[in-house]
């Protein structure tokens, strides 16, 4: 389903852009339309350069505080998408890119994307028992399908080791 949507987007979006450019060119003229496309690209490039510095500083701040910089990385990803859309000639992609350049809108889209992604994946947890044997556990909500594959997507394997269950002589220094 996702592949079909992406494939259709590669067909529909350029056709929509062409129709919009032709209609706007008929309404305001060729050179004002070209100036509009160039202006949106330059404005977007300027805004991206300003916001990307903030994203990098927020990521470094999160790392220095010992936090995982999930939000700054997502901001950077959506800024990259906005930049790619701004480089694409056309006005519909410029509108989508300009929406992505607004920080509250970008964060709302990032949260919705993460919720969608988390619904499509499950985590498979590998725990180490006291005897040193590996024990695979699959947390399975009641509405999920059989083990090994979630109802909505693949399983992600994760290894972890609990440090608080080790005897004191086996704990490694931090």
N, C-alpha and C. Protein backbone atom coordinates (compact mmCIF):
# COMPACT_ATOMS: atom_id res chain seq x y z
N UNK A 1 0.82 -1.20 0.00
CA UNK A 1 0.00 0.00 0.00
C UNK A 1 0.86 1.27 0.00
N UNK A 2 1.90 1.24 0.84
CA UNK A 2 2.79 2.40 0.90
C UNK A 2 3.54 2.58 -0.42
N UNK A 3 3.95 1.48 -1.02
CA UNK A 3 4.67 1.57 -2.31
C UNK A 3 3.77 2.15 -3.39
N UNK A 4 2.51 1.75 -3.37
CA UNK A 4 1.56 2.27 -4.34
C UNK A 4 1.37 3.77 -4.15
N UNK A 5 1.26 4.20 -2.90
CA UNK A 5 1.08 5.63 -2.62
C UNK A 5 2.30 6.43 -3.07
N UNK A 6 3.50 5.91 -2.81
CA UNK A 6 4.72 6.61 -3.24
C UNK A 6 4.79 6.66 -4.76
N UNK A 7 4.46 5.55 -5.40
CA UNK A 7 4.47 5.51 -6.87
C UNK A 7 3.49 6.51 -7.47
N UNK A 8 2.30 6.57 -6.90
CA UNK A 8 1.31 7.54 -7.39
C UNK A 8 1.76 8.97 -7.14
N UNK A 9 2.43 9.20 -6.00
CA UNK A 9 2.92 10.55 -5.70
C UNK A 9 3.93 11.02 -6.75
N UNK A 10 4.77 10.09 -7.24
CA UNK A 10 5.75 10.46 -8.26
C UNK A 10 5.10 10.76 -9.61
N UNK A 11 3.88 10.35 -9.78
CA UNK A 11 3.15 10.65 -11.02
C UNK A 11 2.27 11.87 -10.83
N UNK A 12 1.53 11.91 -9.72
CA UNK A 12 0.53 12.96 -9.51
C UNK A 12 1.16 14.31 -9.18
N UNK A 13 2.18 14.32 -8.32
CA UNK A 13 2.77 15.60 -7.88
C UNK A 13 3.36 16.39 -9.05
N UNK A 14 4.18 15.82 -9.92
CA UNK A 14 4.68 16.61 -11.05
C UNK A 14 3.56 17.13 -11.97
N UNK A 15 2.52 16.31 -12.16
CA UNK A 15 1.40 16.78 -12.99
C UNK A 15 0.69 17.95 -12.32
N UNK A 16 0.48 17.87 -11.01
CA UNK A 16 -0.15 18.95 -10.27
C UNK A 16 0.70 20.22 -10.33
N UNK A 17 2.01 20.06 -10.17
CA UNK A 17 2.92 21.21 -10.24
C UNK A 17 2.86 21.88 -11.61
N UNK A 18 2.84 21.07 -12.66
CA UNK A 18 2.79 21.61 -14.01
C UNK A 18 1.49 22.38 -14.24
N UNK A 19 0.37 21.81 -13.82
CA UNK A 19 -0.92 22.48 -13.99
C UNK A 19 -0.94 23.80 -13.21
N UNK A 20 -0.45 23.78 -11.95
CA UNK A 20 -0.42 25.00 -11.14
C UNK A 20 0.46 26.07 -11.77
N UNK A 21 1.64 25.69 -12.24
CA UNK A 21 2.53 26.66 -12.86
C UNK A 21 1.91 27.26 -14.13
N UNK A 22 1.25 26.42 -14.92
CA UNK A 22 0.60 26.93 -16.13
C UNK A 22 -0.54 27.89 -15.78
N UNK A 23 -1.37 27.53 -14.82
CA UNK A 23 -2.50 28.39 -14.43
C UNK A 23 -2.02 29.71 -13.84
N UNK A 24 -1.02 29.64 -12.97
CA UNK A 24 -0.49 30.87 -12.37
C UNK A 24 0.21 31.71 -13.43
N UNK A 25 0.92 31.05 -14.35
CA UNK A 25 1.57 31.77 -15.45
C UNK A 25 0.56 32.47 -16.33
N UNK A 26 -0.59 31.85 -16.57
CA UNK A 26 -1.65 32.50 -17.35
C UNK A 26 -2.25 33.68 -16.59
N UNK A 27 -2.35 33.55 -15.28
CA UNK A 27 -3.00 34.61 -14.48
C UNK A 27 -2.09 35.81 -14.27
N UNK A 28 -0.81 35.58 -13.93
CA UNK A 28 0.05 36.72 -13.60
C UNK A 28 1.18 36.93 -14.60
N UNK A 29 1.38 36.02 -15.51
CA UNK A 29 2.44 36.16 -16.51
C UNK A 29 3.61 35.22 -16.22
N UNK A 30 4.44 35.07 -17.25
CA UNK A 30 5.54 34.12 -17.17
C UNK A 30 6.61 34.57 -16.18
N UNK A 31 7.09 35.82 -16.34
CA UNK A 31 8.20 36.28 -15.50
C UNK A 31 7.82 36.43 -14.03
N UNK A 32 6.64 36.92 -13.71
CA UNK A 32 6.27 36.92 -12.29
C UNK A 32 6.17 35.51 -11.70
N UNK A 33 5.75 34.54 -12.50
CA UNK A 33 5.68 33.15 -12.03
C UNK A 33 7.08 32.61 -11.77
N UNK A 34 8.01 32.88 -12.69
CA UNK A 34 9.40 32.45 -12.50
C UNK A 34 9.98 33.13 -11.27
N UNK A 35 9.71 34.43 -11.11
CA UNK A 35 10.20 35.16 -9.94
C UNK A 35 9.62 34.58 -8.64
N UNK A 36 8.36 34.18 -8.67
CA UNK A 36 7.72 33.59 -7.50
C UNK A 36 8.39 32.27 -7.12
N UNK A 37 8.66 31.43 -8.09
CA UNK A 37 9.30 30.14 -7.82
C UNK A 37 10.71 30.36 -7.27
N UNK A 38 11.46 31.29 -7.87
CA UNK A 38 12.83 31.56 -7.40
C UNK A 38 12.81 32.17 -6.00
N UNK A 39 11.87 33.08 -5.74
CA UNK A 39 11.77 33.71 -4.43
C UNK A 39 11.45 32.69 -3.35
N UNK A 40 10.51 31.79 -3.62
CA UNK A 40 10.19 30.78 -2.60
C UNK A 40 11.38 29.86 -2.34
N UNK A 41 12.12 29.52 -3.36
CA UNK A 41 13.30 28.66 -3.17
C UNK A 41 14.37 29.37 -2.35
N UNK A 42 14.64 30.63 -2.65
CA UNK A 42 15.66 31.38 -1.91
C UNK A 42 15.23 31.62 -0.47
N UNK A 43 13.96 31.97 -0.27
CA UNK A 43 13.45 32.20 1.08
C UNK A 43 13.51 30.91 1.89
N UNK A 44 13.11 29.82 1.31
CA UNK A 44 13.18 28.54 1.99
C UNK A 44 14.60 28.14 2.35
N UNK A 45 15.53 28.37 1.42
CA UNK A 45 16.94 28.04 1.68
C UNK A 45 17.48 28.87 2.84
N UNK A 46 17.10 30.13 2.89
CA UNK A 46 17.54 31.00 4.00
C UNK A 46 16.97 30.51 5.32
N UNK A 47 15.68 30.20 5.34
CA UNK A 47 15.04 29.74 6.58
C UNK A 47 15.63 28.41 7.03
N UNK A 48 15.89 27.51 6.09
CA UNK A 48 16.48 26.21 6.45
C UNK A 48 17.87 26.41 7.05
N UNK A 49 18.67 27.29 6.47
CA UNK A 49 20.02 27.50 7.00
C UNK A 49 19.96 28.05 8.42
N UNK A 50 19.00 28.92 8.70
CA UNK A 50 18.85 29.47 10.05
C UNK A 50 18.35 28.41 11.03
N UNK A 51 17.35 27.65 10.63
CA UNK A 51 16.77 26.67 11.54
C UNK A 51 17.67 25.46 11.74
N UNK A 52 18.45 25.10 10.75
CA UNK A 52 19.32 23.93 10.90
C UNK A 52 20.39 24.18 11.96
N UNK A 53 20.84 25.42 12.10
CA UNK A 53 21.80 25.73 13.16
C UNK A 53 21.16 25.54 14.53
N UNK A 54 19.90 25.92 14.68
CA UNK A 54 19.19 25.70 15.94
C UNK A 54 19.02 24.22 16.23
N UNK A 55 18.74 23.44 15.20
CA UNK A 55 18.55 22.00 15.38
C UNK A 55 19.86 21.36 15.85
N UNK A 56 20.97 21.74 15.24
CA UNK A 56 22.26 21.18 15.63
C UNK A 56 22.58 21.57 17.07
N UNK A 57 22.33 22.82 17.45
CA UNK A 57 22.62 23.23 18.82
C UNK A 57 21.73 22.50 19.82
N UNK A 58 20.46 22.27 19.47
CA UNK A 58 19.58 21.52 20.37
C UNK A 58 20.02 20.07 20.50
N UNK A 59 20.49 19.47 19.42
CA UNK A 59 20.98 18.09 19.48
C UNK A 59 22.23 18.00 20.35
N UNK A 60 23.13 18.94 20.20
CA UNK A 60 24.35 18.93 21.02
C UNK A 60 24.01 19.18 22.49
N UNK A 61 23.05 20.04 22.75
CA UNK A 61 22.61 20.30 24.12
C UNK A 61 22.02 19.04 24.75
N UNK A 62 21.19 18.33 24.00
CA UNK A 62 20.59 17.09 24.51
C UNK A 62 21.68 16.06 24.80
N UNK A 63 22.65 15.93 23.90
CA UNK A 63 23.74 14.97 24.11
C UNK A 63 24.57 15.34 25.33
N UNK A 64 24.83 16.63 25.53
CA UNK A 64 25.63 17.04 26.69
C UNK A 64 24.88 16.81 28.00
N UNK A 65 23.55 16.79 27.95
CA UNK A 65 22.75 16.51 29.15
C UNK A 65 22.52 15.02 29.33
N UNK A 66 23.03 14.20 28.41
CA UNK A 66 22.88 12.76 28.53
C UNK A 66 21.56 12.23 28.00
N UNK A 67 20.84 13.03 27.25
CA UNK A 67 19.56 12.60 26.67
C UNK A 67 19.77 12.19 25.22
N UNK A 68 18.90 11.33 24.74
CA UNK A 68 18.93 10.95 23.33
C UNK A 68 18.25 12.07 22.54
N UNK A 69 18.89 12.61 21.51
CA UNK A 69 18.34 13.77 20.78
C UNK A 69 17.30 13.39 19.73
N UNK A 70 16.23 12.74 20.15
CA UNK A 70 15.22 12.28 19.20
C UNK A 70 14.53 13.46 18.52
N UNK A 71 14.06 14.41 19.31
CA UNK A 71 13.32 15.54 18.72
C UNK A 71 14.19 16.36 17.78
N UNK A 72 15.44 16.73 18.16
CA UNK A 72 16.26 17.47 17.20
C UNK A 72 16.58 16.68 15.93
N UNK A 73 16.74 15.39 16.05
CA UNK A 73 17.03 14.58 14.86
C UNK A 73 15.81 14.56 13.93
N UNK A 74 14.62 14.42 14.53
CA UNK A 74 13.40 14.46 13.70
C UNK A 74 13.23 15.84 13.06
N UNK A 75 13.52 16.89 13.82
CA UNK A 75 13.47 18.23 13.24
C UNK A 75 14.41 18.34 12.05
N UNK A 76 15.62 17.82 12.22
CA UNK A 76 16.58 17.86 11.13
C UNK A 76 16.12 17.06 9.92
N UNK A 77 15.50 15.91 10.17
CA UNK A 77 15.00 15.09 9.08
C UNK A 77 13.91 15.83 8.30
N UNK A 78 12.99 16.46 9.02
CA UNK A 78 11.92 17.17 8.33
C UNK A 78 12.43 18.46 7.66
N UNK A 79 13.48 19.07 8.21
CA UNK A 79 14.10 20.20 7.52
C UNK A 79 14.76 19.74 6.22
N UNK A 80 15.35 18.55 6.24
CA UNK A 80 15.93 17.99 5.02
C UNK A 80 14.85 17.75 3.97
N UNK A 81 13.71 17.20 4.40
CA UNK A 81 12.59 16.98 3.49
C UNK A 81 12.10 18.32 2.94
N UNK A 82 11.99 19.32 3.82
CA UNK A 82 11.54 20.64 3.37
C UNK A 82 12.52 21.22 2.36
N UNK A 83 13.81 21.05 2.59
CA UNK A 83 14.81 21.54 1.64
C UNK A 83 14.70 20.86 0.29
N UNK A 84 14.48 19.56 0.30
CA UNK A 84 14.32 18.83 -0.97
C UNK A 84 13.07 19.30 -1.71
N UNK A 85 11.99 19.54 -0.96
CA UNK A 85 10.76 20.02 -1.59
C UNK A 85 10.91 21.43 -2.14
N UNK A 86 11.70 22.27 -1.45
CA UNK A 86 11.92 23.63 -1.95
C UNK A 86 12.78 23.65 -3.20
N UNK A 87 13.67 22.68 -3.32
CA UNK A 87 14.50 22.62 -4.52
C UNK A 87 13.74 22.10 -5.72
N UNK A 88 12.62 21.42 -5.46
CA UNK A 88 11.77 20.93 -6.54
C UNK A 88 11.00 22.11 -7.10
N UNK A 89 11.12 22.39 -8.39
CA UNK A 89 10.38 23.52 -8.94
C UNK A 89 8.88 23.27 -8.88
N UNK A 90 8.18 24.24 -8.39
CA UNK A 90 6.73 24.13 -8.31
C UNK A 90 6.21 24.80 -7.06
N UNK A 91 4.93 25.06 -7.05
CA UNK A 91 4.35 25.79 -5.93
C UNK A 91 3.68 24.89 -4.90
N UNK A 92 3.14 23.77 -5.29
CA UNK A 92 2.50 22.87 -4.32
C UNK A 92 3.55 22.30 -3.37
N UNK A 93 4.70 21.88 -3.90
CA UNK A 93 5.76 21.37 -3.03
C UNK A 93 6.33 22.48 -2.16
N UNK A 94 6.35 23.71 -2.67
CA UNK A 94 6.82 24.84 -1.87
C UNK A 94 5.88 25.09 -0.69
N UNK A 95 4.59 24.94 -0.90
CA UNK A 95 3.63 25.14 0.19
C UNK A 95 3.84 24.08 1.27
N UNK A 96 4.01 22.82 0.86
CA UNK A 96 4.26 21.75 1.83
C UNK A 96 5.57 22.01 2.57
N UNK A 97 6.59 22.44 1.85
CA UNK A 97 7.88 22.73 2.47
C UNK A 97 7.77 23.88 3.45
N UNK A 98 7.03 24.91 3.09
CA UNK A 98 6.87 26.05 4.00
C UNK A 98 6.12 25.65 5.26
N UNK A 99 5.18 24.72 5.15
CA UNK A 99 4.49 24.20 6.34
C UNK A 99 5.49 23.46 7.22
N UNK A 100 6.39 22.68 6.60
CA UNK A 100 7.40 21.96 7.36
C UNK A 100 8.43 22.89 8.00
N UNK A 101 8.55 24.10 7.50
CA UNK A 101 9.51 25.05 8.07
C UNK A 101 8.97 25.75 9.32
N UNK A 102 7.68 25.64 9.57
CA UNK A 102 7.09 26.23 10.78
C UNK A 102 7.30 25.23 11.92
N UNK A 103 8.09 25.59 12.95
CA UNK A 103 8.45 24.62 13.99
C UNK A 103 7.26 23.92 14.67
N UNK A 104 6.18 24.60 15.07
CA UNK A 104 5.08 23.85 15.70
C UNK A 104 4.43 22.84 14.75
N UNK A 105 4.28 23.22 13.50
CA UNK A 105 3.69 22.30 12.52
C UNK A 105 4.63 21.12 12.29
N UNK A 106 5.93 21.39 12.19
CA UNK A 106 6.91 20.34 11.97
C UNK A 106 6.92 19.35 13.14
N UNK A 107 6.82 19.86 14.37
CA UNK A 107 6.81 18.98 15.54
C UNK A 107 5.53 18.15 15.59
N UNK A 108 4.41 18.75 15.22
CA UNK A 108 3.15 17.99 15.21
C UNK A 108 3.21 16.87 14.17
N UNK A 109 3.78 17.16 13.00
CA UNK A 109 3.92 16.15 11.96
C UNK A 109 4.90 15.07 12.41
N UNK A 110 5.96 15.46 13.11
CA UNK A 110 6.94 14.48 13.60
C UNK A 110 6.30 13.57 14.64
N UNK A 111 5.51 14.13 15.55
CA UNK A 111 4.83 13.30 16.55
C UNK A 111 3.87 12.32 15.88
N UNK A 112 3.11 12.80 14.91
CA UNK A 112 2.17 11.92 14.21
C UNK A 112 2.93 10.83 13.45
N UNK A 113 4.05 11.18 12.85
CA UNK A 113 4.86 10.19 12.13
C UNK A 113 5.41 9.14 13.08
N UNK A 114 5.87 9.55 14.25
CA UNK A 114 6.40 8.60 15.22
C UNK A 114 5.29 7.68 15.73
N UNK A 115 4.11 8.21 15.99
CA UNK A 115 2.99 7.36 16.42
C UNK A 115 2.67 6.33 15.34
N UNK A 116 2.65 6.76 14.08
CA UNK A 116 2.38 5.85 12.97
C UNK A 116 3.45 4.77 12.89
N UNK A 117 4.71 5.18 13.01
CA UNK A 117 5.82 4.24 12.92
C UNK A 117 5.79 3.24 14.07
N UNK A 118 5.51 3.72 15.27
CA UNK A 118 5.46 2.82 16.43
C UNK A 118 4.30 1.84 16.35
N UNK A 119 3.20 2.25 15.74
CA UNK A 119 2.08 1.33 15.56
C UNK A 119 2.44 0.23 14.56
N UNK A 120 3.32 0.53 13.63
CA UNK A 120 3.66 -0.44 12.59
C UNK A 120 4.77 -1.40 13.01
N UNK A 121 5.47 -1.13 14.09
CA UNK A 121 6.57 -1.98 14.51
C UNK A 121 6.33 -2.49 15.93
N UNK A 122 6.99 -3.56 16.24
CA UNK A 122 6.99 -4.11 17.59
C UNK A 122 8.42 -4.35 18.00
N UNK A 123 8.63 -4.47 19.28
CA UNK A 123 9.98 -4.70 19.79
C UNK A 123 10.06 -6.11 20.34
N UNK A 124 11.10 -6.80 19.97
CA UNK A 124 11.38 -8.13 20.49
C UNK A 124 12.56 -7.99 21.44
N UNK A 125 12.38 -8.38 22.68
CA UNK A 125 13.36 -8.11 23.73
C UNK A 125 14.13 -9.39 24.05
N UNK A 126 15.44 -9.27 24.12
CA UNK A 126 16.30 -10.40 24.47
C UNK A 126 16.82 -10.15 25.88
N UNK A 127 16.45 -11.02 26.82
CA UNK A 127 16.87 -10.85 28.20
C UNK A 127 17.87 -11.96 28.55
N UNK A 128 18.82 -11.62 29.39
CA UNK A 128 19.79 -12.59 29.86
C UNK A 128 19.38 -13.04 31.26
N UNK A 129 19.27 -14.34 31.44
CA UNK A 129 18.88 -14.86 32.75
C UNK A 129 20.12 -14.93 33.64
N UNK A 130 19.90 -15.23 34.93
CA UNK A 130 21.02 -15.34 35.86
C UNK A 130 21.97 -16.47 35.48
N UNK A 131 21.45 -17.51 34.83
CA UNK A 131 22.28 -18.64 34.43
C UNK A 131 23.10 -18.31 33.18
N UNK A 132 22.89 -17.14 32.58
CA UNK A 132 23.64 -16.74 31.41
C UNK A 132 23.00 -17.16 30.11
N UNK A 133 21.85 -17.85 30.18
CA UNK A 133 21.17 -18.26 28.96
C UNK A 133 20.40 -17.08 28.39
N UNK A 134 20.25 -17.08 27.11
CA UNK A 134 19.46 -16.05 26.45
C UNK A 134 18.00 -16.47 26.46
N UNK A 135 17.15 -15.54 26.75
CA UNK A 135 15.72 -15.82 26.79
C UNK A 135 15.02 -14.75 25.98
N UNK A 136 14.42 -15.16 24.88
CA UNK A 136 13.70 -14.20 24.04
C UNK A 136 12.28 -14.04 24.55
N UNK A 137 11.87 -12.83 24.72
CA UNK A 137 10.50 -12.54 25.10
C UNK A 137 9.93 -11.60 24.08
N UNK A 138 8.72 -11.83 23.73
CA UNK A 138 8.06 -10.93 22.80
C UNK A 138 6.85 -10.33 23.48
N UNK A 139 6.95 -9.06 23.84
CA UNK A 139 5.77 -8.44 24.42
C UNK A 139 4.67 -8.40 23.37
N UNK A 140 3.55 -8.98 23.69
CA UNK A 140 2.48 -9.09 22.71
C UNK A 140 1.20 -8.52 23.27
N UNK A 141 0.78 -7.35 22.82
CA UNK A 141 -0.53 -6.87 23.22
C UNK A 141 -1.61 -7.83 22.74
N UNK A 142 -2.75 -7.79 23.35
CA UNK A 142 -3.82 -8.73 23.03
C UNK A 142 -4.26 -8.66 21.58
N UNK A 143 -4.17 -7.48 20.96
CA UNK A 143 -4.68 -7.35 19.60
C UNK A 143 -3.64 -7.66 18.53
N UNK A 144 -2.46 -8.12 18.93
CA UNK A 144 -1.42 -8.41 17.95
C UNK A 144 -1.54 -9.83 17.44
N UNK A 145 -0.92 -10.09 16.32
CA UNK A 145 -0.96 -11.40 15.70
C UNK A 145 0.04 -12.35 16.32
N UNK A 146 0.46 -13.35 15.58
CA UNK A 146 1.36 -14.38 16.11
C UNK A 146 2.75 -13.82 16.39
N UNK A 147 3.55 -14.51 17.26
CA UNK A 147 4.91 -14.05 17.54
C UNK A 147 5.76 -14.04 16.27
N UNK A 148 6.74 -13.13 16.23
CA UNK A 148 7.66 -13.07 15.11
C UNK A 148 7.32 -11.99 14.11
N UNK A 149 6.05 -11.68 14.00
CA UNK A 149 5.66 -10.61 13.09
C UNK A 149 4.42 -9.95 13.67
N UNK A 150 4.48 -8.64 13.78
CA UNK A 150 3.34 -7.90 14.30
C UNK A 150 2.24 -7.82 13.26
N UNK A 151 1.08 -7.46 13.72
CA UNK A 151 -0.05 -7.34 12.81
C UNK A 151 0.21 -6.27 11.77
N UNK A 152 0.92 -5.20 12.16
CA UNK A 152 1.11 -4.07 11.25
C UNK A 152 2.54 -3.90 10.76
N UNK A 153 3.43 -4.83 11.05
CA UNK A 153 4.78 -4.62 10.57
C UNK A 153 5.77 -5.62 11.14
N UNK A 154 7.05 -5.42 10.83
CA UNK A 154 8.09 -6.36 11.25
C UNK A 154 8.44 -6.19 12.72
N UNK A 155 9.20 -7.15 13.24
CA UNK A 155 9.68 -7.13 14.61
C UNK A 155 11.08 -6.52 14.62
N UNK A 156 11.37 -5.70 15.62
CA UNK A 156 12.70 -5.14 15.79
C UNK A 156 13.36 -5.87 16.95
N UNK A 157 14.52 -6.50 16.71
CA UNK A 157 15.24 -7.22 17.75
C UNK A 157 16.09 -6.25 18.55
N UNK A 158 16.02 -6.37 19.88
CA UNK A 158 16.77 -5.48 20.77
C UNK A 158 17.49 -6.34 21.79
N UNK A 159 18.79 -6.11 21.99
CA UNK A 159 19.55 -6.78 23.03
C UNK A 159 19.76 -5.81 24.18
N UNK A 160 19.56 -6.31 25.39
CA UNK A 160 19.90 -5.50 26.54
C UNK A 160 20.29 -6.40 27.69
N UNK A 161 20.99 -5.86 28.65
CA UNK A 161 21.43 -6.62 29.80
C UNK A 161 21.16 -5.77 31.03
N UNK A 162 20.47 -6.35 32.00
CA UNK A 162 20.16 -5.62 33.23
C UNK A 162 21.40 -5.59 34.11
N UNK A 163 21.83 -4.41 34.47
CA UNK A 163 23.04 -4.26 35.28
C UNK A 163 22.75 -4.46 36.76
N UNK A 164 21.52 -4.23 37.21
CA UNK A 164 21.22 -4.31 38.63
C UNK A 164 21.08 -5.74 39.13
N UNK A 165 20.98 -6.74 38.26
CA UNK A 165 20.84 -8.13 38.67
C UNK A 165 22.18 -8.86 38.74
N UNK A 166 23.26 -8.23 38.31
CA UNK A 166 24.56 -8.89 38.34
C UNK A 166 25.15 -8.85 39.74
N UNK A 167 25.89 -9.88 40.11
CA UNK A 167 26.61 -9.81 41.40
C UNK A 167 27.63 -8.67 41.35
N UNK A 168 28.00 -8.16 42.52
CA UNK A 168 28.87 -6.98 42.59
C UNK A 168 30.22 -7.23 41.95
N UNK A 169 30.74 -8.47 42.02
CA UNK A 169 32.07 -8.71 41.46
C UNK A 169 32.05 -8.79 39.93
N UNK A 170 30.87 -8.97 39.31
CA UNK A 170 30.77 -9.06 37.85
C UNK A 170 30.42 -7.74 37.19
N UNK A 171 30.04 -6.72 37.97
CA UNK A 171 29.64 -5.46 37.35
C UNK A 171 30.83 -4.75 36.76
N UNK A 172 30.61 -4.20 35.60
CA UNK A 172 31.68 -3.48 34.91
C UNK A 172 31.65 -2.03 35.33
N UNK A 173 32.82 -1.36 35.37
CA UNK A 173 32.82 0.07 35.74
C UNK A 173 32.16 0.90 34.66
N UNK A 174 31.53 1.96 35.07
CA UNK A 174 30.85 2.83 34.12
C UNK A 174 31.71 3.92 33.62
